[in-house]
Protein backbone atom coordinates (compact mmCIF):
# COMPACT_ATOMS: atom_id res chain seq x y z
CA UNK A 1 67.82 -11.76 -39.22
CA UNK A 2 68.90 -8.47 -40.76
CA UNK A 3 71.76 -6.51 -39.30
CA UNK A 4 70.81 -2.97 -38.39
CA UNK A 5 73.45 -0.46 -39.42
CA UNK A 6 73.69 2.48 -37.05
CA UNK A 7 74.63 5.71 -38.78
CA UNK A 8 76.03 7.76 -35.94
CA UNK A 9 79.23 9.57 -35.33
CA UNK A 10 81.13 10.79 -32.28
CA UNK A 11 80.10 14.35 -33.17
CA UNK A 12 76.51 13.43 -32.38
CA UNK A 13 77.42 13.21 -28.69
CA UNK A 14 77.49 17.02 -28.50
CA UNK A 15 73.88 17.40 -29.54
CA UNK A 16 71.43 18.74 -27.00
CA UNK A 17 68.95 16.26 -25.59
CA UNK A 18 65.43 17.02 -26.79
CA UNK A 19 62.09 16.15 -25.28
CA UNK A 20 59.70 16.10 -28.21
CA UNK A 21 60.32 19.53 -29.76
CA UNK A 22 61.98 21.41 -26.90
CA UNK A 23 65.30 21.35 -25.12
CA UNK A 24 65.34 18.78 -22.34
CA UNK A 25 66.93 21.29 -19.94
CA UNK A 26 63.88 23.51 -20.39
CA UNK A 27 61.64 20.65 -19.24
CA UNK A 28 63.29 20.54 -15.79
CA UNK A 29 60.42 22.46 -14.14
CA UNK A 30 58.07 19.69 -15.24
CA UNK A 31 60.25 17.21 -13.35
CA UNK A 32 59.90 19.36 -10.25
CA UNK A 33 56.14 19.29 -10.75
CA UNK A 34 56.21 15.49 -10.73
CA UNK A 35 57.96 15.58 -7.36
CA UNK A 36 55.44 18.03 -5.85
CA UNK A 37 52.10 17.55 -7.57
CA UNK A 38 49.88 20.53 -6.89
CA UNK A 39 47.90 22.81 -9.17
CA UNK A 40 50.09 25.85 -8.45
CA UNK A 41 53.31 23.88 -9.08
CA UNK A 42 51.85 22.67 -12.39
CA UNK A 43 51.05 26.25 -13.39
CA UNK A 44 54.52 27.40 -12.37
CA UNK A 45 56.18 24.55 -14.28
CA UNK A 46 54.05 25.22 -17.35
CA UNK A 47 54.87 28.95 -17.31
CA UNK A 48 58.59 28.26 -16.85
CA UNK A 49 58.61 25.68 -19.64
CA UNK A 50 56.77 28.04 -22.00
CA UNK A 51 59.23 30.82 -21.12
CA UNK A 52 62.18 28.54 -21.92
CA UNK A 53 60.49 27.48 -25.16
CA UNK A 54 60.04 31.15 -26.10
CA UNK A 55 63.73 31.76 -25.41
CA UNK A 56 64.62 28.87 -27.69
CA UNK A 57 62.34 30.29 -30.37
CA UNK A 58 64.37 33.50 -30.30
CA UNK A 59 67.63 31.56 -30.56
CA UNK A 60 68.73 31.41 -26.93
CA UNK A 61 69.30 28.26 -24.93
CA UNK A 62 68.81 27.98 -21.19
CA UNK A 63 72.59 28.06 -20.65
CA UNK A 64 73.14 31.12 -22.85
CA UNK A 65 70.30 33.00 -21.15
CA UNK A 66 71.76 32.16 -17.74
CA UNK A 67 75.10 33.56 -18.84
CA UNK A 68 73.41 36.72 -20.08
CA UNK A 69 71.70 37.21 -16.71
CA UNK A 70 74.99 36.56 -14.88
CA UNK A 71 76.77 39.13 -17.07
CA UNK A 72 74.03 41.68 -16.46
CA UNK A 73 74.18 41.17 -12.68
CA UNK A 74 77.98 41.35 -12.60
CA UNK A 75 78.02 44.70 -14.39
CA UNK A 76 80.42 46.22 -16.88
CA UNK A 77 83.29 46.87 -14.50
CA UNK A 78 85.41 43.81 -13.77
CA UNK A 79 88.04 43.98 -11.07
CA UNK A 80 91.41 42.26 -11.40
CA UNK A 81 91.82 42.11 -7.65
CA UNK A 82 89.16 41.28 -5.07
CA UNK A 83 87.80 44.10 -2.93
CA UNK A 84 89.45 42.74 0.22
CA UNK A 85 92.92 42.87 -1.39
CA UNK A 86 92.92 46.48 -2.60
CA UNK A 87 96.08 48.61 -2.44
CA UNK A 88 94.80 50.87 0.32
CA UNK A 89 94.64 47.94 2.72
CA UNK A 90 98.19 46.92 3.65
CA UNK A 91 98.43 43.64 5.48
């Protein structure tokens, strides 16, 4: 019986899980389709998966795109103090 030598390193633990050729996080809508099997949920899952695959083609991951959307929604102006603790309100 031959001994199989595994050539892996601890650095391989940081790799992104892949489902065939795409990021496994982008395949999450397909999992939701398996929970609720309908034609419209299949179409929605397929469109979402293709959109995530297109993002990956352009070099973005699902996490990076989510951060970009969050940054866009937050705006350019960042406050150091929350709005309810402004100087004009003395407690």
